Amino acid sequence: MKYLLVAAVVLVAYWIWRHNREEEAREAREAREAAQRRQPPAQPAIPTQMVTCRHCGVHLPQTDATKGLLGYYCGKEHKRLAEG
């Protein structure tokens, strides 16, 4: 008889634990969905123009490149070496 009582207590404890877990997961999911509704969708990044260094051939964004008389370079040193 005591084994039945222990089994019943374990089953009730398991049911309570599982019920609380499902409720927490549902609340977290609802909070996440509410946060997504409040935030506007992210805008895609604006593409940047890529250029090639005239000295070494590496590709880099035009905003990071150094402009010289003959074209773009990856740094001041390559500009100096190529243009003298």
PDB file of N, CA and C in Angstrom:
ATOM      1  N   MET A   1       0.811  -1.189   0.000  1.00  0.00           N
ATOM      2  CA  MET A   1       0.000   0.000   0.000  1.00  0.00           C
ATOM      3  C   MET A   1       0.862   1.264   0.000  1.00  0.00           C
ATOM      4  N   LYS A   2       1.982   1.195   0.780  1.00  0.00           N
ATOM      5  CA  LYS A   2       2.813   2.392   0.830  1.00  0.00           C
ATOM      6  C   LYS A   2       3.483   2.653  -0.517  1.00  0.00           C
ATOM      7  N   TYR A   3       3.732   1.616  -1.314  1.00  0.00           N
ATOM      8  CA  TYR A   3       4.321   1.805  -2.647  1.00  0.00           C
ATOM      9  C   TYR A   3       3.345   2.528  -3.577  1.00  0.00           C
ATOM     10  N   LEU A   4       2.073   2.214  -3.452  1.00  0.00           N
ATOM     11  CA  LEU A   4       1.065   2.918  -4.237  1.00  0.00           C
ATOM     12  C   LEU A   4       1.006   4.395  -3.853  1.00  0.00           C
ATOM     13  N   LEU A   5       1.114   4.677  -2.577  1.00  0.00           N
ATOM     14  CA  LEU A   5       1.098   6.055  -2.111  1.00  0.00           C
ATOM     15  C   LEU A   5       2.327   6.814  -2.626  1.00  0.00           C
ATOM     16  N   VAL A   6       3.501   6.183  -2.565  1.00  0.00           N
ATOM     17  CA  VAL A   6       4.728   6.809  -3.066  1.00  0.00           C
ATOM     18  C   VAL A   6       4.613   7.034  -4.572  1.00  0.00           C
ATOM     19  N   ALA A   7       4.111   6.058  -5.302  1.00  0.00           N
ATOM     20  CA  ALA A   7       3.951   6.196  -6.748  1.00  0.00           C
ATOM     21  C   ALA A   7       2.969   7.323  -7.071  1.00  0.00           C
ATOM     22  N   ALA A   8       1.887   7.424  -6.314  1.00  0.00           N
ATOM     23  CA  ALA A   8       0.909   8.486  -6.548  1.00  0.00           C
ATOM     24  C   ALA A   8       1.530   9.857  -6.282  1.00  0.00           C
ATOM     25  N   VAL A   9       2.316   9.975  -5.225  1.00  0.00           N
ATOM     26  CA  VAL A   9       2.975  11.250  -4.912  1.00  0.00           C
ATOM     27  C   VAL A   9       3.959  11.618  -6.015  1.00  0.00           C
ATOM     28  N   VAL A  10       4.724  10.650  -6.508  1.00  0.00           N
ATOM     29  CA  VAL A  10       5.686  10.901  -7.581  1.00  0.00           C
ATOM     30  C   VAL A  10       4.958  11.329  -8.848  1.00  0.00           C
ATOM     31  N   LEU A  11       3.874  10.665  -9.186  1.00  0.00           N
ATOM     32  CA  LEU A  11       3.114  11.027 -10.380  1.00  0.00           C
ATOM     33  C   LEU A  11       2.514  12.427 -10.265  1.00  0.00           C
ATOM     34  N   VAL A  12       1.992  12.772  -9.106  1.00  0.00           N
ATOM     35  CA  VAL A  12       1.427  14.110  -8.912  1.00  0.00           C
ATOM     36  C   VAL A  12       2.534  15.157  -9.005  1.00  0.00           C
ATOM     37  N   ALA A  13       3.687  14.885  -8.397  1.00  0.00           N
ATOM     38  CA  ALA A  13       4.811  15.825  -8.469  1.00  0.00           C
ATOM     39  C   ALA A  13       5.270  15.995  -9.911  1.00  0.00           C
ATOM     40  N   TYR A  14       5.328  14.907 -10.670  1.00  0.00           N
ATOM     41  CA  TYR A  14       5.725  14.980 -12.080  1.00  0.00           C
ATOM     42  C   TYR A  14       4.709  15.789 -12.885  1.00  0.00           C
ATOM     43  N   TRP A  15       3.428  15.570 -12.624  1.00  0.00           N
ATOM     44  CA  TRP A  15       2.388  16.299 -13.350  1.00  0.00           C
ATOM     45  C   TRP A  15       2.477  17.797 -13.051  1.00  0.00           C
ATOM     46  N   ILE A  16       2.676  18.158 -11.783  1.00  0.00           N
ATOM     47  CA  ILE A  16       2.800  19.574 -11.412  1.00  0.00           C
ATOM     48  C   ILE A  16       4.027  20.186 -12.069  1.00  0.00           C
ATOM     49  N   TRP A  17       5.151  19.481 -12.050  1.00  0.00           N
ATOM     50  CA  TRP A  17       6.389  19.985 -12.661  1.00  0.00           C
ATOM     51  C   TRP A  17       6.201  20.199 -14.160  1.00  0.00           C
ATOM     52  N   ARG A  18       5.593  19.228 -14.816  1.00  0.00           N
ATOM     53  CA  ARG A  18       5.396  19.334 -16.261  1.00  0.00           C
ATOM     54  C   ARG A  18       4.414  20.456 -16.605  1.00  0.00           C
ATOM     55  N   HIS A  19       3.361  20.569 -15.834  1.00  0.00           N
ATOM     56  CA  HIS A  19       2.372  21.627 -16.065  1.00  0.00           C
ATOM     57  C   HIS A  19       3.026  23.005 -15.919  1.00  0.00           C
ATOM     58  N   ASN A  20       3.848  23.204 -14.904  1.00  0.00           N
ATOM     59  CA  ASN A  20       4.543  24.482 -14.709  1.00  0.00           C
ATOM     60  C   ASN A  20       5.517  24.759 -15.845  1.00  0.00           C
ATOM     61  N   ARG A  21       6.198  23.732 -16.323  1.00  0.00           N
ATOM     62  CA  ARG A  21       7.148  23.909 -17.426  1.00  0.00           C
ATOM     63  C   ARG A  21       6.441  24.337 -18.698  1.00  0.00           C
ATOM     64  N   GLU A  22       5.320  23.721 -18.998  1.00  0.00           N
ATOM     65  CA  GLU A  22       4.555  24.090 -20.190  1.00  0.00           C
ATOM     66  C   GLU A  22       4.042  25.522 -20.080  1.00  0.00           C
ATOM     67  N   GLU A  23       3.614  25.914 -18.897  1.00  0.00           N
ATOM     68  CA  GLU A  23       3.112  27.274 -18.696  1.00  0.00           C
ATOM     69  C   GLU A  23       4.235  28.297 -18.871  1.00  0.00           C
ATOM     70  N   GLU A  24       5.429  28.006 -18.331  1.00  0.00           N
ATOM     71  CA  GLU A  24       6.571  28.915 -18.492  1.00  0.00           C
ATOM     72  C   GLU A  24       6.973  29.028 -19.960  1.00  0.00           C
ATOM     73  N   ALA A  25       6.962  27.917 -20.673  1.00  0.00           N
ATOM     74  CA  ALA A  25       7.322  27.938 -22.094  1.00  0.00           C
ATOM     75  C   ALA A  25       6.303  28.754 -22.887  1.00  0.00           C
ATOM     76  N   ARG A  26       5.028  28.608 -22.569  1.00  0.00           N
ATOM     77  CA  ARG A  26       3.984  29.362 -23.258  1.00  0.00           C
ATOM     78  C   ARG A  26       4.140  30.862 -22.982  1.00  0.00           C
ATOM     79  N   GLU A  27       4.426  31.224 -21.724  1.00  0.00           N
ATOM     80  CA  GLU A  27       4.623  32.636 -21.387  1.00  0.00           C
ATOM     81  C   GLU A  27       5.845  33.209 -22.101  1.00  0.00           C
ATOM     82  N   ALA A  28       6.931  32.444 -22.171  1.00  0.00           N
ATOM     83  CA  ALA A  28       8.137  32.911 -22.857  1.00  0.00           C
ATOM     84  C   ALA A  28       7.869  33.086 -24.349  1.00  0.00           C
ATOM     85  N   ARG A  29       7.137  32.156 -24.943  1.00  0.00           N
ATOM     86  CA  ARG A  29       6.808  32.243 -26.366  1.00  0.00           C
ATOM     87  C   ARG A  29       5.930  33.466 -26.637  1.00  0.00           C
ATOM     88  N   GLU A  30       4.953  33.707 -25.778  1.00  0.00           N
ATOM     89  CA  GLU A  30       4.089  34.877 -25.946  1.00  0.00           C
ATOM     90  C   GLU A  30       4.877  36.175 -25.787  1.00  0.00           C
ATOM     91  N   ALA A  31       5.797  36.217 -24.840  1.00  0.00           N
ATOM     92  CA  ALA A  31       6.617  37.420 -24.651  1.00  0.00           C
ATOM     93  C   ALA A  31       7.510  37.654 -25.860  1.00  0.00           C
ATOM     94  N   ARG A  32       8.078  36.589 -26.405  1.00  0.00           N
ATOM     95  CA  ARG A  32       8.943  36.707 -27.585  1.00  0.00           C
ATOM     96  C   ARG A  32       8.139  37.193 -28.788  1.00  0.00           C
ATOM     97  N   GLU A  33       6.939  36.660 -28.972  1.00  0.00           N
ATOM     98  CA  GLU A  33       6.091  37.089 -30.087  1.00  0.00           C
ATOM     99  C   GLU A  33       5.652  38.542 -29.916  1.00  0.00           C
ATOM    100  N   ALA A  34       5.366  38.958 -28.692  1.00  0.00           N
ATOM    101  CA  ALA A  34       4.974  40.348 -28.448  1.00  0.00           C
ATOM    102  C   ALA A  34       6.139  41.285 -28.740  1.00  0.00           C
ATOM    103  N   ALA A  35       7.350  40.881 -28.387  1.00  0.00           N
ATOM    104  CA  ALA A  35       8.527  41.711 -28.668  1.00  0.00           C
ATOM    105  C   ALA A  35       8.750  41.830 -30.168  1.00  0.00           C
ATOM    106  N   GLN A  36       8.498  40.766 -30.903  1.00  0.00           N
ATOM    107  CA  GLN A  36       8.667  40.811 -32.354  1.00  0.00           C
ATOM    108  C   GLN A  36       7.619  41.714 -32.997  1.00  0.00           C
ATOM    109  N   ARG A  37       6.430  41.745 -32.441  1.00  0.00           N
ATOM    110  CA  ARG A  37       5.387  42.618 -32.983  1.00  0.00           C
ATOM    111  C   ARG A  37       5.715  44.085 -32.719  1.00  0.00           C
ATOM    112  N   ARG A  38       6.362  44.385 -31.599  1.00  0.00           N
ATOM    113  CA  ARG A  38       6.703  45.769 -31.272  1.00  0.00           C
ATOM    114  C   ARG A  38       7.836  46.296 -32.137  1.00  0.00           C
ATOM    115  N   GLN A  39       8.792  45.442 -32.508  1.00  0.00           N
ATOM    116  CA  GLN A  39       9.944  45.889 -33.283  1.00  0.00           C
ATOM    117  C   GLN A  39       9.616  45.872 -34.767  1.00  0.00           C
ATOM    118  N   PRO A  40       9.982  46.939 -35.477  1.00  0.00           N
ATOM    119  CA  PRO A  40       9.784  46.922 -36.930  1.00  0.00           C
ATOM    120  C   PRO A  40      10.769  45.940 -37.562  1.00  0.00           C
ATOM    121  N   PRO A  41      10.441  45.388 -38.708  1.00  0.00           N
ATOM    122  CA  PRO A  41      11.359  44.447 -39.346  1.00  0.00           C
ATOM    123  C   PRO A  41      12.667  45.142 -39.710  1.00  0.00           C
ATOM    124  N   ALA A  42      13.756  44.416 -39.590  1.00  0.00           N
ATOM    125  CA  ALA A  42      15.074  44.979 -39.879  1.00  0.00           C
ATOM    126  C   ALA A  42      15.205  45.278 -41.370  1.00  0.00           C
ATOM    127  N   GLN A  43      15.794  46.415 -41.667  1.00  0.00           N
ATOM    128  CA  GLN A  43      16.025  46.801 -43.056  1.00  0.00           C
ATOM    129  C   GLN A  43      17.302  46.124 -43.549  1.00  0.00           C
ATOM    130  N   PRO A  44      17.316  45.672 -44.781  1.00  0.00           N
ATOM    131  CA  PRO A  44      18.540  45.057 -45.296  1.00  0.00           C
ATOM    132  C   PRO A  44      19.645  46.102 -45.407  1.00  0.00           C
ATOM    133  N   ALA A  45      20.874  45.651 -45.228  1.00  0.00           N
ATOM    134  CA  ALA A  45      22.018  46.557 -45.298  1.00  0.00           C
ATOM    135  C   ALA A  45      22.190  47.075 -46.727  1.00  0.00           C
ATOM    136  N   ILE A  46      22.621  48.314 -46.831  1.00  0.00           N
ATOM    137  CA  ILE A  46      22.871  48.912 -48.140  1.00  0.00           C
ATOM    138  C   ILE A  46      24.185  48.345 -48.661  1.00  0.00           C
ATOM    139  N   PRO A  47      24.204  47.793 -49.861  1.00  0.00           N
ATOM    140  CA  PRO A  47      25.443  47.220 -50.386  1.00  0.00           C
ATOM    141  C   PRO A  47      26.485  48.311 -50.623  1.00  0.00           C
ATOM    142  N   THR A  48      27.740  47.966 -50.403  1.00  0.00           N
ATOM    143  CA  THR A  48      28.827  48.916 -50.629  1.00  0.00           C
ATOM    144  C   THR A  48      29.601  48.505 -51.870  1.00  0.00           C
ATOM    145  N   GLN A  49      30.158  49.480 -52.518  1.00  0.00           N
ATOM    146  CA  GLN A  49      30.957  49.244 -53.721  1.00  0.00           C
ATOM    147  C   GLN A  49      32.289  48.623 -53.310  1.00  0.00           C
ATOM    148  N   MET A  50      32.679  47.541 -53.982  1.00  0.00           N
ATOM    149  CA  MET A  50      33.961  46.887 -53.722  1.00  0.00           C
ATOM    150  C   MET A  50      34.954  47.312 -54.798  1.00  0.00           C
ATOM    151  N   VAL A  51      36.191  47.564 -54.381  1.00  0.00           N
ATOM    152  CA  VAL A  51      37.251  47.953 -55.312  1.00  0.00           C
ATOM    153  C   VAL A  51      38.449  47.037 -55.102  1.00  0.00           C
ATOM    154  N   THR A  52      39.344  47.030 -56.082  1.00  0.00           N
ATOM    155  CA  THR A  52      40.544  46.203 -56.031  1.00  0.00           C
ATOM    156  C   THR A  52      41.761  47.094 -55.844  1.00  0.00           C
ATOM    157  N   CYS A  53      42.649  46.680 -54.960  1.00  0.00           N
ATOM    158  CA  CYS A  53      43.902  47.407 -54.769  1.00  0.00           C
ATOM    159  C   CYS A  53      44.741  47.246 -56.038  1.00  0.00           C
ATOM    160  N   ARG A  54      45.229  48.354 -56.587  1.00  0.00           N
ATOM    161  CA  ARG A  54      46.018  48.311 -57.830  1.00  0.00           C
ATOM    162  C   ARG A  54      47.395  47.697 -57.599  1.00  0.00           C
ATOM    163  N   HIS A  55      47.839  47.610 -56.353  1.00  0.00           N
ATOM    164  CA  HIS A  55      49.173  47.075 -56.072  1.00  0.00           C
ATOM    165  C   HIS A  55      49.140  45.569 -55.780  1.00  0.00           C
ATOM    166  N   CYS A  56      48.279  45.147 -54.860  1.00  0.00           N
ATOM    167  CA  CYS A  56      48.288  43.735 -54.446  1.00  0.00           C
ATOM    168  C   CYS A  56      47.071  42.946 -54.918  1.00  0.00           C
ATOM    169  N   GLY A  57      46.022  43.611 -55.394  1.00  0.00           N
ATOM    170  CA  GLY A  57      44.863  42.916 -55.937  1.00  0.00           C
ATOM    171  C   GLY A  57      43.810  42.516 -54.917  1.00  0.00           C
ATOM    172  N   VAL A  58      43.971  42.905 -53.661  1.00  0.00           N
ATOM    173  CA  VAL A  58      42.977  42.541 -52.656  1.00  0.00           C
ATOM    174  C   VAL A  58      41.699  43.367 -52.874  1.00  0.00           C
ATOM    175  N   HIS A  59      40.540  42.737 -52.625  1.00  0.00           N
ATOM    176  CA  HIS A  59      39.252  43.426 -52.754  1.00  0.00           C
ATOM    177  C   HIS A  59      38.854  43.979 -51.387  1.00  0.00           C
ATOM    178  N   LEU A  60      38.383  45.221 -51.368  1.00  0.00           N
ATOM    179  CA  LEU A  60      37.958  45.845 -50.128  1.00  0.00           C
ATOM    180  C   LEU A  60      36.866  46.864 -50.424  1.00  0.00           C
ATOM    181  N   PRO A  61      36.081  47.232 -49.395  1.00  0.00           N
ATOM    182  CA  PRO A  61      35.032  48.232 -49.614  1.00  0.00           C
ATOM    183  C   PRO A  61      35.641  49.575 -50.015  1.00  0.00           C
ATOM    184  N   GLN A  62      34.965  50.282 -50.883  1.00  0.00           N
ATOM    185  CA  GLN A  62      35.463  51.563 -51.368  1.00  0.00           C
ATOM    186  C   GLN A  62      35.627  52.557 -50.223  1.00  0.00           C
ATOM    187  N   THR A  63      34.790  52.447 -49.200  1.00  0.00           N
ATOM    188  CA  THR A  63      34.891  53.366 -48.065  1.00  0.00           C
ATOM    189  C   THR A  63      36.175  53.156 -47.275  1.00  0.00           C
ATOM    190  N   ASP A  64      36.757  51.949 -47.313  1.00  0.00           N
ATOM    191  CA  ASP A  64      37.993  51.659 -46.590  1.00  0.00           C
ATOM    192  C   ASP A  64      39.232  51.869 -47.449  1.00  0.00           C
ATOM    193  N   ALA A  65      39.073  52.041 -48.741  1.00  0.00           N
ATOM    194  CA  ALA A  65      40.210  52.141 -49.657  1.00  0.00           C
ATOM    195  C   ALA A  65      40.790  53.549 -49.665  1.00  0.00           C
ATOM    196  N   THR A  66      42.067  53.614 -50.059  1.00  0.00           N
ATOM    197  CA  THR A  66      42.752  54.894 -50.236  1.00  0.00           C
ATOM    198  C   THR A  66      42.762  55.212 -51.718  1.00  0.00           C
ATOM    199  N   LYS A  67      42.267  56.388 -52.090  1.00  0.00           N
ATOM    200  CA  LYS A  67      42.182  56.761 -53.507  1.00  0.00           C
ATOM    201  C   LYS A  67      43.480  57.437 -53.923  1.00  0.00           C
ATOM    202  N   GLY A  68      44.016  56.961 -55.041  1.00  0.00           N
ATOM    203  CA  GLY A  68      45.212  57.560 -55.608  1.00  0.00           C
ATOM    204  C   GLY A  68      44.937  58.074 -57.009  1.00  0.00           C
ATOM    205  N   LEU A  69      45.995  58.511 -57.693  1.00  0.00           N
ATOM    206  CA  LEU A  69      45.839  59.028 -59.056  1.00  0.00           C
ATOM    207  C   LEU A  69      45.491  57.920 -60.047  1.00  0.00           C
ATOM    208  N   LEU A  70      46.020  56.719 -59.810  1.00  0.00           N
ATOM    209  CA  LEU A  70      45.809  55.615 -60.747  1.00  0.00           C
ATOM    210  C   LEU A  70      44.665  54.686 -60.346  1.00  0.00           C
ATOM    211  N   GLY A  71      44.094  54.871 -59.182  1.00  0.00           N
ATOM    212  CA  GLY A  71      42.999  54.005 -58.746  1.00  0.00           C
ATOM    213  C   GLY A  71      42.947  53.907 -57.235  1.00  0.00           C
ATOM    214  N   TYR A  72      42.406  52.800 -56.749  1.00  0.00           N
ATOM    215  CA  TYR A  72      42.246  52.591 -55.314  1.00  0.00           C
ATOM    216  C   TYR A  72      43.327  51.654 -54.800  1.00  0.00           C
ATOM    217  N   TYR A  73      43.689  51.846 -53.528  1.00  0.00           N
ATOM    218  CA  TYR A  73      44.711  51.030 -52.875  1.00  0.00           C
ATOM    219  C   TYR A  73      44.202  50.624 -51.498  1.00  0.00           C
ATOM    220  N   CYS A  74      44.778  49.538 -50.973  1.00  0.00           N
ATOM    221  CA  CYS A  74      44.328  49.052 -49.670  1.00  0.00           C
ATOM    222  C   CYS A  74      44.936  49.852 -48.524  1.00  0.00           C
ATOM    223  N   GLY A  75      45.955  50.631 -48.789  1.00  0.00           N
ATOM    224  CA  GLY A  75      46.561  51.452 -47.746  1.00  0.00           C
ATOM    225  C   GLY A  75      47.494  52.493 -48.342  1.00  0.00           C
ATOM    226  N   LYS A  76      47.987  53.366 -47.476  1.00  0.00           N
ATOM    227  CA  LYS A  76      48.872  54.442 -47.934  1.00  0.00           C
ATOM    228  C   LYS A  76      50.197  53.896 -48.450  1.00  0.00           C
ATOM    229  N   GLU A  77      50.673  52.821 -47.856  1.00  0.00           N
ATOM    230  CA  GLU A  77      51.955  52.246 -48.284  1.00  0.00           C
ATOM    231  C   GLU A  77      51.871  51.709 -49.710  1.00  0.00           C
ATOM    232  N   HIS A  78      50.811  51.015 -50.053  1.00  0.00           N
ATOM    233  CA  HIS A  78      50.665  50.501 -51.420  1.00  0.00           C
ATOM    234  C   HIS A  78      50.452  51.639 -52.413  1.00  0.00           C
ATOM    235  N   LYS A  79      49.787  52.684 -51.991  1.00  0.00           N
ATOM    236  CA  LYS A  79      49.636  53.859 -52.858  1.00  0.00           C
ATOM    237  C   LYS A  79      51.008  54.473 -53.135  1.00  0.00           C
ATOM    238  N   ARG A  80      51.821  54.593 -52.095  1.00  0.00           N
ATOM    239  CA  ARG A  80      53.153  55.168 -52.251  1.00  0.00           C
ATOM    240  C   ARG A  80      54.023  54.289 -53.139  1.00  0.00           C
ATOM    241  N   LEU A  81      53.954  52.966 -52.962  1.00  0.00           N
ATOM    242  CA  LEU A  81      54.773  52.054 -53.766  1.00  0.00           C
ATOM    243  C   LEU A  81      54.358  52.070 -55.235  1.00  0.00           C
ATOM    244  N   ALA A  82      53.062  52.144 -55.515  1.00  0.00           N
ATOM    245  CA  ALA A  82      52.583  52.071 -56.894  1.00  0.00           C
ATOM    246  C   ALA A  82      52.745  53.392 -57.637  1.00  0.00           C
ATOM    247  N   GLU A  83      52.556  54.490 -56.951  1.00  0.00           N
ATOM    248  CA  GLU A  83      52.582  55.790 -57.625  1.00  0.00           C
ATOM    249  C   GLU A  83      53.901  56.542 -57.428  1.00  0.00           C
ATOM    250  N   GLY A  84      54.743  56.009 -56.566  1.00  0.00           N
ATOM    251  CA  GLY A  84      56.078  56.595 -56.390  1.00  0.00           C
ATOM    252  C   GLY A  84      56.110  57.797 -55.629  1.00  0.00           C
TER     253      GLY A  84
END
